[in-house]
mmCIF file of all heavy atoms, coordinates in Angstrom:
data_MODEL
# 
_entry.id   MODEL 
# 
loop_
_atom_site.group_PDB 
_atom_site.id 
_atom_site.type_symbol 
_atom_site.label_atom_id 
_atom_site.label_alt_id 
_atom_site.label_comp_id 
_atom_site.label_asym_id 
_atom_site.label_entity_id 
_atom_site.label_seq_id 
_atom_site.pdbx_PDB_ins_code 
_atom_site.Cartn_x 
_atom_site.Cartn_y 
_atom_site.Cartn_z 
_atom_site.occupancy 
_atom_site.B_iso_or_equiv 
_atom_site.pdbx_formal_charge 
_atom_site.auth_seq_id 
_atom_site.auth_comp_id 
_atom_site.auth_asym_id 
_atom_site.auth_atom_id 
_atom_site.pdbx_PDB_model_num 
ATOM 1   N N   . CYS A 1 1  ? 12.698  -6.840  -31.110 1.00 0.00 ? 1  CYS A N   1 
ATOM 2   C CA  . CYS A 1 1  ? 11.422  -6.792  -30.395 1.00 0.00 ? 1  CYS A CA  1 
ATOM 3   C C   . CYS A 1 1  ? 11.355  -7.945  -29.418 1.00 0.00 ? 1  CYS A C   1 
ATOM 4   O O   . CYS A 1 1  ? 11.683  -9.076  -29.774 1.00 0.00 ? 1  CYS A O   1 
ATOM 5   C CB  . CYS A 1 1  ? 10.296  -6.852  -31.377 1.00 0.00 ? 1  CYS A CB  1 
ATOM 6   S SG  . CYS A 1 1  ? 8.630   -7.032  -30.676 1.00 0.00 ? 1  CYS A SG  1 
ATOM 7   N N   . GLN A 1 2  ? 10.918  -7.655  -28.172 1.00 0.00 ? 2  GLN A N   1 
ATOM 8   C CA  . GLN A 1 2  ? 10.756  -8.751  -27.189 1.00 0.00 ? 2  GLN A CA  1 
ATOM 9   C C   . GLN A 1 2  ? 9.401   -8.607  -26.490 1.00 0.00 ? 2  GLN A C   1 
ATOM 10  O O   . GLN A 1 2  ? 8.998   -7.468  -26.146 1.00 0.00 ? 2  GLN A O   1 
ATOM 11  C CB  . GLN A 1 2  ? 11.905  -8.702  -26.171 1.00 0.00 ? 2  GLN A CB  1 
ATOM 12  C CG  . GLN A 1 2  ? 13.263  -8.987  -26.742 1.00 0.00 ? 2  GLN A CG  1 
ATOM 13  C CD  . GLN A 1 2  ? 14.308  -9.241  -25.657 1.00 0.00 ? 2  GLN A CD  1 
ATOM 14  O OE1 . GLN A 1 2  ? 14.061  -10.034 -24.736 1.00 0.00 ? 2  GLN A OE1 1 
ATOM 15  N NE2 . GLN A 1 2  ? 15.439  -8.574  -25.791 1.00 0.00 ? 2  GLN A NE2 1 
ATOM 16  N N   . ALA A 1 3  ? 8.797   -9.703  -26.281 1.00 0.00 ? 3  ALA A N   1 
ATOM 17  C CA  . ALA A 1 3  ? 7.485   -9.716  -25.575 1.00 0.00 ? 3  ALA A CA  1 
ATOM 18  C C   . ALA A 1 3  ? 7.653   -9.334  -24.107 1.00 0.00 ? 3  ALA A C   1 
ATOM 19  O O   . ALA A 1 3  ? 8.590   -9.791  -23.430 1.00 0.00 ? 3  ALA A O   1 
ATOM 20  C CB  . ALA A 1 3  ? 6.825   -11.086 -25.663 1.00 0.00 ? 3  ALA A CB  1 
ATOM 21  N N   . LEU A 1 4  ? 6.773   -8.497  -23.579 1.00 0.00 ? 4  LEU A N   1 
ATOM 22  C CA  . LEU A 1 4  ? 6.866   -8.031  -22.155 1.00 0.00 ? 4  LEU A CA  1 
ATOM 23  C C   . LEU A 1 4  ? 5.873   -8.777  -21.313 1.00 0.00 ? 4  LEU A C   1 
ATOM 24  O O   . LEU A 1 4  ? 6.177   -9.126  -20.173 1.00 0.00 ? 4  LEU A O   1 
ATOM 25  C CB  . LEU A 1 4  ? 6.588   -6.559  -22.104 1.00 0.00 ? 4  LEU A CB  1 
ATOM 26  C CG  . LEU A 1 4  ? 7.616   -5.638  -22.783 1.00 0.00 ? 4  LEU A CG  1 
ATOM 27  C CD1 . LEU A 1 4  ? 7.153   -4.197  -22.671 1.00 0.00 ? 4  LEU A CD1 1 
ATOM 28  C CD2 . LEU A 1 4  ? 8.989   -5.821  -22.145 1.00 0.00 ? 4  LEU A CD2 1 
ATOM 29  N N   . GLY A 1 5  ? 4.667   -8.955  -21.790 1.00 0.00 ? 5  GLY A N   1 
ATOM 30  C CA  . GLY A 1 5  ? 3.618   -9.580  -21.008 1.00 0.00 ? 5  GLY A CA  1 
ATOM 31  C C   . GLY A 1 5  ? 2.281   -8.950  -21.379 1.00 0.00 ? 5  GLY A C   1 
ATOM 32  O O   . GLY A 1 5  ? 2.152   -8.100  -22.274 1.00 0.00 ? 5  GLY A O   1 
ATOM 33  N N   . GLN A 1 6  ? 1.224   -9.315  -20.656 1.00 0.00 ? 6  GLN A N   1 
ATOM 34  C CA  . GLN A 1 6  ? -0.098  -8.807  -20.929 1.00 0.00 ? 6  GLN A CA  1 
ATOM 35  C C   . GLN A 1 6  ? -0.575  -7.917  -19.759 1.00 0.00 ? 6  GLN A C   1 
ATOM 36  O O   . GLN A 1 6  ? -0.428  -8.246  -18.610 1.00 0.00 ? 6  GLN A O   1 
ATOM 37  C CB  . GLN A 1 6  ? -1.096  -9.930  -21.087 1.00 0.00 ? 6  GLN A CB  1 
ATOM 38  C CG  . GLN A 1 6  ? -0.822  -10.785 -22.318 1.00 0.00 ? 6  GLN A CG  1 
ATOM 39  C CD  . GLN A 1 6  ? -1.956  -11.788 -22.544 1.00 0.00 ? 6  GLN A CD  1 
ATOM 40  O OE1 . GLN A 1 6  ? -2.705  -11.697 -23.489 1.00 0.00 ? 6  GLN A OE1 1 
ATOM 41  N NE2 . GLN A 1 6  ? -2.073  -12.764 -21.645 1.00 0.00 ? 6  GLN A NE2 1 
ATOM 42  N N   . MET A 1 7  ? -1.156  -6.775  -20.112 1.00 0.00 ? 7  MET A N   1 
ATOM 43  C CA  . MET A 1 7  ? -1.780  -5.882  -19.118 1.00 0.00 ? 7  MET A CA  1 
ATOM 44  C C   . MET A 1 7  ? -3.274  -6.150  -19.167 1.00 0.00 ? 7  MET A C   1 
ATOM 45  O O   . MET A 1 7  ? -3.914  -6.016  -20.211 1.00 0.00 ? 7  MET A O   1 
ATOM 46  C CB  . MET A 1 7  ? -1.470  -4.427  -19.441 1.00 0.00 ? 7  MET A CB  1 
ATOM 47  C CG  . MET A 1 7  ? -2.085  -3.462  -18.450 1.00 0.00 ? 7  MET A CG  1 
ATOM 48  S SD  . MET A 1 7  ? -1.515  -1.779  -18.662 1.00 0.00 ? 7  MET A SD  1 
ATOM 49  C CE  . MET A 1 7  ? 0.031   -1.911  -17.792 1.00 0.00 ? 7  MET A CE  1 
ATOM 50  N N   . ARG A 1 8  ? -3.827  -6.548  -18.017 1.00 0.00 ? 8  ARG A N   1 
ATOM 51  C CA  . ARG A 1 8  ? -5.250  -6.836  -17.922 1.00 0.00 ? 8  ARG A CA  1 
ATOM 52  C C   . ARG A 1 8  ? -6.047  -5.587  -17.575 1.00 0.00 ? 8  ARG A C   1 
ATOM 53  O O   . ARG A 1 8  ? -5.647  -4.820  -16.691 1.00 0.00 ? 8  ARG A O   1 
ATOM 54  C CB  . ARG A 1 8  ? -5.529  -7.941  -16.922 1.00 0.00 ? 8  ARG A CB  1 
ATOM 55  C CG  . ARG A 1 8  ? -6.975  -8.201  -16.619 1.00 0.00 ? 8  ARG A CG  1 
ATOM 56  C CD  . ARG A 1 8  ? -7.239  -9.577  -16.057 1.00 0.00 ? 8  ARG A CD  1 
ATOM 57  N NE  . ARG A 1 8  ? -6.984  -10.596 -17.026 1.00 0.00 ? 8  ARG A NE  1 
ATOM 58  C CZ  . ARG A 1 8  ? -7.176  -11.881 -16.882 1.00 0.00 ? 8  ARG A CZ  1 
ATOM 59  N NH1 . ARG A 1 8  ? -7.595  -12.322 -15.690 1.00 0.00 ? 8  ARG A NH1 1 
ATOM 60  N NH2 . ARG A 1 8  ? -6.930  -12.751 -17.834 1.00 0.00 ? 8  ARG A NH2 1 
ATOM 61  N N   . TYR A 1 9  ? -7.171  -5.392  -18.204 1.00 0.00 ? 9  TYR A N   1 
ATOM 62  C CA  . TYR A 1 9  ? -8.084  -4.254  -17.989 1.00 0.00 ? 9  TYR A CA  1 
ATOM 63  C C   . TYR A 1 9  ? -9.395  -4.776  -17.472 1.00 0.00 ? 9  TYR A C   1 
ATOM 64  O O   . TYR A 1 9  ? -9.937  -5.773  -17.924 1.00 0.00 ? 9  TYR A O   1 
ATOM 65  C CB  . TYR A 1 9  ? -8.269  -3.491  -19.287 1.00 0.00 ? 9  TYR A CB  1 
ATOM 66  C CG  . TYR A 1 9  ? -7.116  -2.637  -19.715 1.00 0.00 ? 9  TYR A CG  1 
ATOM 67  C CD1 . TYR A 1 9  ? -6.017  -3.210  -20.358 1.00 0.00 ? 9  TYR A CD1 1 
ATOM 68  C CD2 . TYR A 1 9  ? -7.010  -1.292  -19.399 1.00 0.00 ? 9  TYR A CD2 1 
ATOM 69  C CE1 . TYR A 1 9  ? -4.903  -2.449  -20.729 1.00 0.00 ? 9  TYR A CE1 1 
ATOM 70  C CE2 . TYR A 1 9  ? -5.935  -0.525  -19.789 1.00 0.00 ? 9  TYR A CE2 1 
ATOM 71  C CZ  . TYR A 1 9  ? -4.884  -1.140  -20.420 1.00 0.00 ? 9  TYR A CZ  1 
ATOM 72  O OH  . TYR A 1 9  ? -3.799  -0.370  -20.791 1.00 0.00 ? 9  TYR A OH  1 
ATOM 73  N N   . ILE A 1 10 ? -9.912  -4.005  -16.505 1.00 0.00 ? 10 ILE A N   1 
ATOM 74  C CA  . ILE A 1 10 ? -11.273 -4.300  -15.962 1.00 0.00 ? 10 ILE A CA  1 
ATOM 75  C C   . ILE A 1 10 ? -12.075 -3.008  -15.860 1.00 0.00 ? 10 ILE A C   1 
ATOM 76  O O   . ILE A 1 10 ? -11.505 -1.938  -15.842 1.00 0.00 ? 10 ILE A O   1 
ATOM 77  C CB  . ILE A 1 10 ? -11.180 -4.977  -14.526 1.00 0.00 ? 10 ILE A CB  1 
ATOM 78  C CG1 . ILE A 1 10 ? -10.454 -4.007  -13.556 1.00 0.00 ? 10 ILE A CG1 1 
ATOM 79  C CG2 . ILE A 1 10 ? -10.466 -6.304  -14.587 1.00 0.00 ? 10 ILE A CG2 1 
ATOM 80  C CD1 . ILE A 1 10 ? -10.411 -4.501  -12.135 1.00 0.00 ? 10 ILE A CD1 1 
ATOM 81  N N   . ALA A 1 11 ? -13.394 -3.180  -15.911 1.00 0.00 ? 11 ALA A N   1 
ATOM 82  C CA  . ALA A 1 11 ? -14.285 -1.990  -15.816 1.00 0.00 ? 11 ALA A CA  1 
ATOM 83  C C   . ALA A 1 11 ? -14.652 -1.792  -14.355 1.00 0.00 ? 11 ALA A C   1 
ATOM 84  O O   . ALA A 1 11 ? -15.001 -2.742  -13.636 1.00 0.00 ? 11 ALA A O   1 
ATOM 85  C CB  . ALA A 1 11 ? -15.520 -2.165  -16.623 1.00 0.00 ? 11 ALA A CB  1 
ATOM 86  N N   . VAL A 1 12 ? -14.620 -0.520  -13.880 1.00 0.00 ? 12 VAL A N   1 
ATOM 87  C CA  . VAL A 1 12 ? -14.973 -0.188  -12.496 1.00 0.00 ? 12 VAL A CA  1 
ATOM 88  C C   . VAL A 1 12 ? -15.796 1.087   -12.472 1.00 0.00 ? 12 VAL A C   1 
ATOM 89  O O   . VAL A 1 12 ? -15.815 1.910   -13.385 1.00 0.00 ? 12 VAL A O   1 
ATOM 90  C CB  . VAL A 1 12 ? -13.695 0.014   -11.626 1.00 0.00 ? 12 VAL A CB  1 
ATOM 91  C CG1 . VAL A 1 12 ? -12.848 -1.280  -11.611 1.00 0.00 ? 12 VAL A CG1 1 
ATOM 92  C CG2 . VAL A 1 12 ? -12.861 1.175   -12.118 1.00 0.00 ? 12 VAL A CG2 1 
ATOM 93  N N   . ALA A 1 13 ? -16.490 1.292   -11.359 1.00 0.00 ? 13 ALA A N   1 
ATOM 94  C CA  . ALA A 1 13 ? -17.230 2.492   -11.125 1.00 0.00 ? 13 ALA A CA  1 
ATOM 95  C C   . ALA A 1 13 ? -17.370 2.676   -9.614  1.00 0.00 ? 13 ALA A C   1 
ATOM 96  O O   . ALA A 1 13 ? -17.253 1.697   -8.821  1.00 0.00 ? 13 ALA A O   1 
ATOM 97  C CB  . ALA A 1 13 ? -18.582 2.460   -11.793 1.00 0.00 ? 13 ALA A CB  1 
ATOM 98  N N   . ALA A 1 14 ? -17.634 3.900   -9.216  1.00 0.00 ? 14 ALA A N   1 
ATOM 99  C CA  . ALA A 1 14 ? -17.844 4.199   -7.789  1.00 0.00 ? 14 ALA A CA  1 
ATOM 100 C C   . ALA A 1 14 ? -19.160 3.542   -7.297  1.00 0.00 ? 14 ALA A C   1 
ATOM 101 O O   . ALA A 1 14 ? -20.136 3.508   -8.014  1.00 0.00 ? 14 ALA A O   1 
ATOM 102 C CB  . ALA A 1 14 ? -17.894 5.698   -7.552  1.00 0.00 ? 14 ALA A CB  1 
ATOM 103 N N   . PRO A 1 15 ? -19.189 3.052   -6.047  1.00 0.00 ? 15 PRO A N   1 
ATOM 104 C CA  . PRO A 1 15 ? -20.438 2.405   -5.547  1.00 0.00 ? 15 PRO A CA  1 
ATOM 105 C C   . PRO A 1 15 ? -21.646 3.362   -5.631  1.00 0.00 ? 15 PRO A C   1 
ATOM 106 O O   . PRO A 1 15 ? -22.726 2.915   -6.017  1.00 0.00 ? 15 PRO A O   1 
ATOM 107 C CB  . PRO A 1 15 ? -20.058 2.093   -4.100  1.00 0.00 ? 15 PRO A CB  1 
ATOM 108 C CG  . PRO A 1 15 ? -18.609 1.876   -4.101  1.00 0.00 ? 15 PRO A CG  1 
ATOM 109 C CD  . PRO A 1 15 ? -18.073 2.902   -5.068  1.00 0.00 ? 15 PRO A CD  1 
ATOM 110 N N   . HIS A 1 16 ? -21.464 4.630   -5.285  1.00 0.00 ? 16 HIS A N   1 
ATOM 111 C CA  . HIS A 1 16 ? -22.612 5.546   -5.306  1.00 0.00 ? 16 HIS A CA  1 
ATOM 112 C C   . HIS A 1 16 ? -23.070 5.807   -6.745  1.00 0.00 ? 16 HIS A C   1 
ATOM 113 O O   . HIS A 1 16 ? -24.248 6.024   -7.039  1.00 0.00 ? 16 HIS A O   1 
ATOM 114 C CB  . HIS A 1 16 ? -22.333 6.846   -4.645  1.00 0.00 ? 16 HIS A CB  1 
ATOM 115 C CG  . HIS A 1 16 ? -21.196 7.640   -5.218  1.00 0.00 ? 16 HIS A CG  1 
ATOM 116 N ND1 . HIS A 1 16 ? -19.827 7.426   -4.878  1.00 0.00 ? 16 HIS A ND1 1 
ATOM 117 C CD2 . HIS A 1 16 ? -21.212 8.667   -6.108  1.00 0.00 ? 16 HIS A CD2 1 
ATOM 118 C CE1 . HIS A 1 16 ? -19.133 8.308   -5.534  1.00 0.00 ? 16 HIS A CE1 1 
ATOM 119 N NE2 . HIS A 1 16 ? -19.936 9.051   -6.302  1.00 0.00 ? 16 HIS A NE2 1 
ATOM 120 N N   . PHE A 1 17 ? -22.116 5.771   -7.722  1.00 0.00 ? 17 PHE A N   1 
ATOM 121 C CA  . PHE A 1 17 ? -22.492 5.898   -9.093  1.00 0.00 ? 17 PHE A CA  1 
ATOM 122 C C   . PHE A 1 17 ? -23.333 4.730   -9.611  1.00 0.00 ? 17 PHE A C   1 
ATOM 123 O O   . PHE A 1 17 ? -24.351 4.870   -10.274 1.00 0.00 ? 17 PHE A O   1 
ATOM 124 C CB  . PHE A 1 17 ? -21.252 6.062   -9.963  1.00 0.00 ? 17 PHE A CB  1 
ATOM 125 C CG  . PHE A 1 17 ? -21.498 6.137   -11.436 1.00 0.00 ? 17 PHE A CG  1 
ATOM 126 C CD1 . PHE A 1 17 ? -21.746 7.325   -12.085 1.00 0.00 ? 17 PHE A CD1 1 
ATOM 127 C CD2 . PHE A 1 17 ? -21.529 4.966   -12.236 1.00 0.00 ? 17 PHE A CD2 1 
ATOM 128 C CE1 . PHE A 1 17 ? -21.978 7.423   -13.456 1.00 0.00 ? 17 PHE A CE1 1 
ATOM 129 C CE2 . PHE A 1 17 ? -21.767 5.021   -13.598 1.00 0.00 ? 17 PHE A CE2 1 
ATOM 130 C CZ  . PHE A 1 17 ? -22.028 6.267   -14.203 1.00 0.00 ? 17 PHE A CZ  1 
ATOM 131 N N   . MET A 1 18 ? -22.870 3.516   -9.205  1.00 0.00 ? 18 MET A N   1 
ATOM 132 C CA  . MET A 1 18 ? -23.578 2.308   -9.619  1.00 0.00 ? 18 MET A CA  1 
ATOM 133 C C   . MET A 1 18 ? -24.964 2.240   -8.981  1.00 0.00 ? 18 MET A C   1 
ATOM 134 O O   . MET A 1 18 ? -25.950 1.853   -9.659  1.00 0.00 ? 18 MET A O   1 
ATOM 135 C CB  . MET A 1 18 ? -22.765 1.084   -9.268  1.00 0.00 ? 18 MET A CB  1 
ATOM 136 C CG  . MET A 1 18 ? -21.451 1.003   -10.012 1.00 0.00 ? 18 MET A CG  1 
ATOM 137 S SD  . MET A 1 18 ? -20.420 -0.466  -9.561  1.00 0.00 ? 18 MET A SD  1 
ATOM 138 C CE  . MET A 1 18 ? -21.431 -1.798  -10.205 1.00 0.00 ? 18 MET A CE  1 
ATOM 139 N N   . GLU A 1 19 ? -25.100 2.671   -7.746  1.00 0.00 ? 19 GLU A N   1 
ATOM 140 C CA  . GLU A 1 19 ? -26.432 2.654   -7.109  1.00 0.00 ? 19 GLU A CA  1 
ATOM 141 C C   . GLU A 1 19 ? -27.415 3.615   -7.738  1.00 0.00 ? 19 GLU A C   1 
ATOM 142 O O   . GLU A 1 19 ? -28.602 3.298   -7.889  1.00 0.00 ? 19 GLU A O   1 
ATOM 143 C CB  . GLU A 1 19 ? -26.269 2.978   -5.603  1.00 0.00 ? 19 GLU A CB  1 
ATOM 144 C CG  . GLU A 1 19 ? -25.556 1.882   -4.823  1.00 0.00 ? 19 GLU A CG  1 
ATOM 145 C CD  . GLU A 1 19 ? -25.120 2.374   -3.449  1.00 0.00 ? 19 GLU A CD  1 
ATOM 146 O OE1 . GLU A 1 19 ? -25.459 3.545   -3.068  1.00 0.00 ? 19 GLU A OE1 1 
ATOM 147 O OE2 . GLU A 1 19 ? -24.409 1.627   -2.759  1.00 0.00 ? 19 GLU A OE2 1 
ATOM 148 N N   . ARG A 1 20 ? -26.844 4.733   -8.199  1.00 0.00 ? 20 ARG A N   1 
ATOM 149 C CA  . ARG A 1 20 ? -27.758 5.757   -8.795  1.00 0.00 ? 20 ARG A CA  1 
ATOM 150 C C   . ARG A 1 20 ? -28.032 5.497   -10.289 1.00 0.00 ? 20 ARG A C   1 
ATOM 151 O O   . ARG A 1 20 ? -29.142 5.601   -10.728 1.00 0.00 ? 20 ARG A O   1 
ATOM 152 C CB  . ARG A 1 20 ? -27.067 7.134   -8.652  1.00 0.00 ? 20 ARG A CB  1 
ATOM 153 C CG  . ARG A 1 20 ? -27.955 8.260   -9.258  1.00 0.00 ? 20 ARG A CG  1 
ATOM 154 C CD  . ARG A 1 20 ? -27.291 9.606   -8.982  1.00 0.00 ? 20 ARG A CD  1 
ATOM 155 N NE  . ARG A 1 20 ? -28.081 10.666  -9.626  1.00 0.00 ? 20 ARG A NE  1 
ATOM 156 C CZ  . ARG A 1 20 ? -27.755 11.969  -9.555  1.00 0.00 ? 20 ARG A CZ  1 
ATOM 157 N NH1 . ARG A 1 20 ? -26.663 12.349  -8.949  1.00 0.00 ? 20 ARG A NH1 1 
ATOM 158 N NH2 . ARG A 1 20 ? -28.513 12.867  -10.143 1.00 0.00 ? 20 ARG A NH2 1 
ATOM 159 N N   . HIS A 1 21 ? -26.992 5.144   -11.020 1.00 0.00 ? 21 HIS A N   1 
ATOM 160 C CA  . HIS A 1 21 ? -27.133 5.036   -12.437 1.00 0.00 ? 21 HIS A CA  1 
ATOM 161 C C   . HIS A 1 21 ? -27.288 3.595   -13.012 1.00 0.00 ? 21 HIS A C   1 
ATOM 162 O O   . HIS A 1 21 ? -27.777 3.362   -14.097 1.00 0.00 ? 21 HIS A O   1 
ATOM 163 C CB  . HIS A 1 21 ? -25.927 5.693   -13.165 1.00 0.00 ? 21 HIS A CB  1 
ATOM 164 C CG  . HIS A 1 21 ? -25.807 7.149   -12.935 1.00 0.00 ? 21 HIS A CG  1 
ATOM 165 N ND1 . HIS A 1 21 ? -26.545 8.107   -13.552 1.00 0.00 ? 21 HIS A ND1 1 
ATOM 166 C CD2 . HIS A 1 21 ? -25.004 7.857   -12.031 1.00 0.00 ? 21 HIS A CD2 1 
ATOM 167 C CE1 . HIS A 1 21 ? -26.215 9.290   -13.134 1.00 0.00 ? 21 HIS A CE1 1 
ATOM 168 N NE2 . HIS A 1 21 ? -25.309 9.148   -12.187 1.00 0.00 ? 21 HIS A NE2 1 
ATOM 169 N N   . LEU A 1 22 ? -26.795 2.608   -12.174 1.00 0.00 ? 22 LEU A N   1 
ATOM 170 C CA  . LEU A 1 22 ? -26.850 1.260   -12.659 1.00 0.00 ? 22 LEU A CA  1 
ATOM 171 C C   . LEU A 1 22 ? -27.429 0.298   -11.616 1.00 0.00 ? 22 LEU A C   1 
ATOM 172 O O   . LEU A 1 22 ? -26.789 -0.693  -11.182 1.00 0.00 ? 22 LEU A O   1 
ATOM 173 C CB  . LEU A 1 22 ? -25.427 0.806   -12.984 1.00 0.00 ? 22 LEU A CB  1 
ATOM 174 C CG  . LEU A 1 22 ? -24.643 1.583   -14.054 1.00 0.00 ? 22 LEU A CG  1 
ATOM 175 C CD1 . LEU A 1 22 ? -23.206 1.101   -14.114 1.00 0.00 ? 22 LEU A CD1 1 
ATOM 176 C CD2 . LEU A 1 22 ? -25.339 1.415   -15.412 1.00 0.00 ? 22 LEU A CD2 1 
ATOM 177 N N   . PRO A 1 23 ? -28.650 0.598   -11.146 1.00 0.00 ? 23 PRO A N   1 
ATOM 178 C CA  . PRO A 1 23 ? -29.244 -0.254  -10.093 1.00 0.00 ? 23 PRO A CA  1 
ATOM 179 C C   . PRO A 1 23 ? -29.468 -1.659  -10.604 1.00 0.00 ? 23 PRO A C   1 
ATOM 180 O O   . PRO A 1 23 ? -29.471 -2.627  -9.783  1.00 0.00 ? 23 PRO A O   1 
ATOM 181 C CB  . PRO A 1 23 ? -30.575 0.463   -9.799  1.00 0.00 ? 23 PRO A CB  1 
ATOM 182 C CG  . PRO A 1 23 ? -30.867 1.268   -11.025 1.00 0.00 ? 23 PRO A CG  1 
ATOM 183 C CD  . PRO A 1 23 ? -29.549 1.686   -11.520 1.00 0.00 ? 23 PRO A CD  1 
ATOM 184 N N   . GLN A 1 24 ? -29.641 -1.855  -11.905 1.00 0.00 ? 24 GLN A N   1 
ATOM 185 C CA  . GLN A 1 24 ? -29.801 -3.188  -12.460 1.00 0.00 ? 24 GLN A CA  1 
ATOM 186 C C   . GLN A 1 24 ? -28.531 -3.679  -13.123 1.00 0.00 ? 24 GLN A C   1 
ATOM 187 O O   . GLN A 1 24 ? -28.537 -4.686  -13.831 1.00 0.00 ? 24 GLN A O   1 
ATOM 188 C CB  . GLN A 1 24 ? -30.959 -3.167  -13.529 1.00 0.00 ? 24 GLN A CB  1 
ATOM 189 C CG  . GLN A 1 24 ? -32.305 -2.656  -12.978 1.00 0.00 ? 24 GLN A CG  1 
ATOM 190 C CD  . GLN A 1 24 ? -32.811 -3.468  -11.807 1.00 0.00 ? 24 GLN A CD  1 
ATOM 191 O OE1 . GLN A 1 24 ? -32.687 -4.674  -11.800 1.00 0.00 ? 24 GLN A OE1 1 
ATOM 192 N NE2 . GLN A 1 24 ? -33.312 -2.784  -10.795 1.00 0.00 ? 24 GLN A NE2 1 
ATOM 193 N N   . GLY A 1 25 ? -27.421 -2.933  -12.919 1.00 0.00 ? 25 GLY A N   1 
ATOM 194 C CA  . GLY A 1 25 ? -26.154 -3.318  -13.592 1.00 0.00 ? 25 GLY A CA  1 
ATOM 195 C C   . GLY A 1 25 ? -26.075 -2.733  -14.944 1.00 0.00 ? 25 GLY A C   1 
ATOM 196 O O   . GLY A 1 25 ? -27.043 -2.238  -15.573 1.00 0.00 ? 25 GLY A O   1 
ATOM 197 N N   . LEU A 1 26 ? -24.873 -2.801  -15.537 1.00 0.00 ? 26 LEU A N   1 
ATOM 198 C CA  . LEU A 1 26 ? -24.633 -2.335  -16.885 1.00 0.00 ? 26 LEU A CA  1 
ATOM 199 C C   . LEU A 1 26 ? -25.085 -3.449  -17.851 1.00 0.00 ? 26 LEU A C   1 
ATOM 200 O O   . LEU A 1 26 ? -24.715 -4.611  -17.708 1.00 0.00 ? 26 LEU A O   1 
ATOM 201 C CB  . LEU A 1 26 ? -23.153 -2.033  -17.080 1.00 0.00 ? 26 LEU A CB  1 
ATOM 202 C CG  . LEU A 1 26 ? -22.765 -1.322  -18.369 1.00 0.00 ? 26 LEU A CG  1 
ATOM 203 C CD1 . LEU A 1 26 ? -23.355 0.124   -18.379 1.00 0.00 ? 26 LEU A CD1 1 
ATOM 204 C CD2 . LEU A 1 26 ? -21.223 -1.214  -18.501 1.00 0.00 ? 26 LEU A CD2 1 
ATOM 205 N N   . ASN A 1 27 ? -25.901 -3.075  -18.874 1.00 0.00 ? 27 ASN A N   1 
ATOM 206 C CA  . ASN A 1 27 ? -26.433 -4.085  -19.740 1.00 0.00 ? 27 ASN A CA  1 
ATOM 207 C C   . ASN A 1 27 ? -26.627 -3.483  -21.166 1.00 0.00 ? 27 ASN A C   1 
ATOM 208 O O   . ASN A 1 27 ? -26.405 -2.287  -21.333 1.00 0.00 ? 27 ASN A O   1 
ATOM 209 C CB  . ASN A 1 27 ? -27.820 -4.586  -19.211 1.00 0.00 ? 27 ASN A CB  1 
ATOM 210 C CG  . ASN A 1 27 ? -28.782 -3.463  -18.974 1.00 0.00 ? 27 ASN A CG  1 
ATOM 211 O OD1 . ASN A 1 27 ? -29.151 -2.773  -19.905 1.00 0.00 ? 27 ASN A OD1 1 
ATOM 212 N ND2 . ASN A 1 27 ? -29.192 -3.273  -17.697 1.00 0.00 ? 27 ASN A ND2 1 
# 
């Protein structure tokens, strides 16, 4: 077994989705 590295994950959404469903952000 050998270490490869770390894969970083981030949360994203479409701008129009955020404007409609998350005007105050995700909370």
